[in-house]
Amino acid sequence: MSLRVAAFLDRDGTLIEDVHYLRNPDEVRLLAGAAEAVRRLNEADIPAVVVTNQSGIARGLLTEAEYLATALRLDVLLAEAGARLAAHYHCPHLPELSGGCECRKPGPLLYRRAAADLDLDLHHSWWVGDRVRDIAASERFGGRGVLVLTGAGAAEAGTSAAQGWLAVPDLATAVHLILSSKV
């Protein structure tokens, strides 16, 4: 089987409103254009894969079950709009509390796991998020990163860490770029 290009999407601030330590599924709100953007990836046969840091679990602010309930709610909202995610991956750690790990973005573990699970080509894939840490792994794997200006993106774009990264207004614009790049 040949490997596929994927779009690794951050969750909070990229796909949904960032309400900080989201634990209530009723508070999951898609950002404008997010479902349509994911649907366009689906139509192009580009797996949309969520990779998210969820340090609230390590902090004791939410449980693993609460995180999973919010992930399920996101799936339901996307399905209602005719879109779907290929998979969800999350890091529940916080280095100050849990010690270091390889799964906390921009660490490589969750991306490697997704590549193995879904037959993905990391070298040609895309990383999209509202923080540099969401897209920085693209350098490690040779892919391409796009900073969206939703969520924390507008503030992040003004930092020295964001210099050199492509910044676009939102996920819909990032997906347009992905689809027009002849992946």
Protein backbone atom coordinates (compact mmCIF):
# COMPACT_ATOMS: atom_id res chain seq x y z
CA MET A 1 0.00 0.00 0.00
CA SER A 2 1.32 3.46 -0.84
CA LEU A 3 1.61 6.07 1.87
CA ARG A 4 -0.83 8.99 1.93
CA VAL A 5 -0.35 12.66 2.63
CA ALA A 6 -2.25 13.81 5.73
CA ALA A 7 -3.32 17.06 7.34
CA PHE A 8 -2.44 17.07 11.06
CA LEU A 9 -4.82 19.49 12.71
CA ASP A 10 -4.62 21.02 16.15
CA ARG A 11 -7.99 20.94 17.92
CA ASP A 12 -8.44 23.91 20.28
CA GLY A 13 -8.22 27.23 18.47
CA THR A 14 -7.94 25.57 15.05
CA LEU A 15 -11.02 23.36 14.67
CA ILE A 16 -13.00 24.44 17.72
CA GLU A 17 -13.18 27.41 20.05
CA ASP A 18 -10.48 27.25 22.70
CA VAL A 19 -12.29 27.35 26.05
CA HIS A 20 -9.22 26.17 28.03
CA TYR A 21 -9.34 22.72 29.60
CA LEU A 22 -12.51 21.71 27.78
CA ARG A 23 -14.30 18.97 29.69
CA ASN A 24 -17.96 19.49 28.86
CA PRO A 25 -19.03 18.14 25.43
CA ASP A 26 -21.81 20.74 25.31
CA GLU A 27 -19.13 23.46 25.11
CA VAL A 28 -17.59 22.10 21.90
CA ARG A 29 -18.12 24.77 19.22
CA LEU A 30 -16.75 24.46 15.71
CA LEU A 31 -14.96 27.51 14.37
CA ALA A 32 -16.51 29.11 11.30
CA GLY A 33 -15.63 27.15 8.17
CA ALA A 34 -13.93 24.30 10.05
CA ALA A 35 -16.40 21.55 9.12
CA GLU A 36 -16.39 22.58 5.47
CA ALA A 37 -12.57 22.60 5.49
CA VAL A 38 -12.44 19.07 6.91
CA ARG A 39 -15.05 17.95 4.38
CA ARG A 40 -12.88 19.32 1.56
CA LEU A 41 -9.93 17.29 2.88
CA ASN A 42 -12.20 14.21 2.99
CA GLU A 43 -13.29 14.78 -0.60
CA ALA A 44 -9.62 15.01 -1.67
CA ASP A 45 -8.86 11.74 0.20
CA ILE A 46 -6.46 13.54 2.56
CA PRO A 47 -6.84 12.15 6.09
CA ALA A 48 -7.61 14.87 8.63
CA VAL A 49 -5.90 13.80 11.87
CA VAL A 50 -6.29 15.66 15.16
CA VAL A 51 -3.19 15.84 17.34
CA THR A 52 -3.69 17.80 20.55
CA ASN A 53 -1.92 18.52 23.82
CA GLN A 54 -4.32 18.04 26.73
CA SER A 55 -2.29 19.00 29.81
CA GLY A 56 -5.54 19.53 31.73
CA ILE A 57 -5.55 15.77 32.28
CA ALA A 58 -2.16 15.89 34.04
CA ARG A 59 -3.28 18.98 35.95
CA GLY A 60 -6.37 17.15 37.23
CA LEU A 61 -8.70 19.65 35.53
CA LEU A 62 -10.34 17.00 33.37
CA THR A 63 -10.34 13.25 33.12
CA GLU A 64 -9.43 11.03 30.22
CA ALA A 65 -13.13 10.14 29.92
CA GLU A 66 -14.09 13.83 29.74
CA TYR A 67 -11.51 14.42 27.01
CA LEU A 68 -12.84 11.43 25.06
CA ALA A 69 -16.41 12.75 25.41
CA THR A 70 -15.36 16.10 23.90
CA ALA A 71 -13.58 14.27 21.06
CA LEU A 72 -16.76 12.30 20.38
CA ARG A 73 -18.81 15.51 20.37
CA LEU A 74 -16.42 17.00 17.81
CA ASP A 75 -16.90 13.91 15.64
CA VAL A 76 -20.70 14.27 15.90
CA LEU A 77 -20.63 17.96 14.95
CA LEU A 78 -18.40 17.24 11.97
CA ALA A 79 -20.57 14.31 10.86
CA GLU A 80 -23.64 16.57 10.95
CA ALA A 81 -21.83 18.73 8.39
CA GLY A 82 -20.77 15.75 6.27
CA ALA A 83 -17.15 15.71 7.48
CA ARG A 84 -15.03 13.23 9.41
CA LEU A 85 -11.68 12.97 11.11
CA ALA A 86 -9.48 9.98 10.33
CA ALA A 87 -8.29 9.77 13.95
CA HIS A 88 -7.66 11.63 17.21
CA TYR A 89 -4.35 11.51 19.11
CA HIS A 90 -3.69 13.38 22.35
CA CYS A 91 -0.93 13.92 24.87
CA PRO A 92 -2.27 13.96 28.47
CA HIS A 93 1.06 15.04 29.99
CA LEU A 94 2.57 18.21 31.38
CA PRO A 95 6.36 18.00 31.73
CA GLU A 96 6.39 19.88 35.05
CA LEU A 97 4.00 17.31 36.55
CA SER A 98 4.40 14.16 34.47
CA GLY A 99 7.99 14.40 33.37
CA GLY A 100 9.13 14.60 29.78
CA CYS A 101 7.46 12.61 27.04
CA GLU A 102 7.72 12.10 23.31
CA CYS A 103 4.00 12.68 22.68
CA ARG A 104 3.69 16.32 23.73
CA LYS A 105 3.70 18.53 20.64
CA PRO A 106 5.98 19.12 18.90
CA GLY A 107 7.33 15.69 19.92
CA PRO A 108 7.30 12.97 17.27
CA LEU A 109 5.48 10.07 18.95
CA LEU A 110 1.85 10.83 18.07
CA TYR A 111 2.73 11.64 14.46
CA ARG A 112 4.71 8.42 14.11
CA ARG A 113 1.84 6.50 15.67
CA ALA A 114 -0.64 8.08 13.23
CA ALA A 115 1.67 7.32 10.30
CA ALA A 116 1.86 3.66 11.33
CA ASP A 117 -1.88 3.37 12.04
CA LEU A 118 -3.05 5.13 8.88
CA ASP A 119 -0.22 4.50 6.36
CA LEU A 120 0.75 8.18 6.18
CA ASP A 121 3.68 9.88 4.47
CA LEU A 122 4.99 12.31 7.08
CA HIS A 123 7.52 13.82 4.68
CA HIS A 124 4.79 15.23 2.44
CA SER A 125 2.11 15.90 5.06
CA TRP A 126 0.83 19.20 6.45
CA TRP A 127 0.63 20.52 10.03
CA VAL A 128 -1.99 23.18 10.80
CA GLY A 129 -2.47 24.91 14.13
CA ASP A 130 -2.81 28.18 16.00
CA ARG A 131 0.51 27.84 17.84
CA VAL A 132 4.03 27.25 16.58
CA ARG A 133 4.25 24.07 18.69
CA ASP A 134 1.35 22.69 16.60
CA ILE A 135 3.28 23.00 13.36
CA ALA A 136 6.93 22.72 14.44
CA ALA A 137 7.02 18.94 13.94
CA SER A 138 6.68 19.58 10.22
CA GLU A 139 10.37 20.55 10.21
CA ARG A 140 11.39 17.27 11.85
CA PHE A 141 9.54 15.21 9.25
CA GLY A 142 10.08 17.40 6.20
CA GLY A 143 6.43 18.37 5.84
CA ARG A 144 4.86 21.81 5.73
CA GLY A 145 3.42 23.86 8.58
CA VAL A 146 0.73 26.52 8.45
CA LEU A 147 -0.12 28.81 11.35
CA VAL A 148 -3.78 29.83 11.48
CA LEU A 149 -4.66 33.17 13.02
CA THR A 150 -7.68 31.82 14.89
CA GLY A 151 -7.43 30.89 18.58
CA ALA A 152 -4.03 32.01 19.86
CA GLY A 153 -2.71 32.37 16.31
CA ALA A 154 -3.00 36.14 16.01
CA ALA A 155 -0.94 36.68 19.17
CA GLU A 156 1.46 33.87 18.27
CA ALA A 157 2.08 35.29 14.79
CA GLY A 158 3.70 38.36 16.31
CA THR A 159 6.37 36.38 18.16
CA SER A 160 9.89 35.65 17.01
CA ALA A 161 9.09 31.92 17.15
CA ALA A 162 6.51 32.41 14.39
CA GLN A 163 8.90 34.14 11.99
CA GLY A 164 9.38 32.12 8.85
CA TRP A 165 6.10 30.21 9.16
CA LEU A 166 3.30 30.70 6.68
CA ALA A 167 0.32 32.32 8.44
CA VAL A 168 -3.24 32.31 7.10
CA PRO A 169 -6.53 33.60 8.53
CA ASP A 170 -8.19 30.26 9.29
CA LEU A 171 -8.45 26.52 8.65
CA ALA A 172 -10.47 27.01 5.47
CA THR A 173 -7.64 29.08 3.98
CA ALA A 174 -5.06 26.52 5.11
CA VAL A 175 -7.04 23.73 3.43
CA HIS A 176 -7.33 25.78 0.25
CA LEU A 177 -3.53 26.09 0.29
CA ILE A 178 -3.10 22.34 0.89
CA LEU A 179 -5.46 21.41 -1.93
CA SER A 180 -3.92 23.85 -4.38
CA SER A 181 -0.35 22.76 -3.66
CA LYS A 182 -0.47 19.63 -5.80
CA VAL A 183 0.31 17.37 -2.85
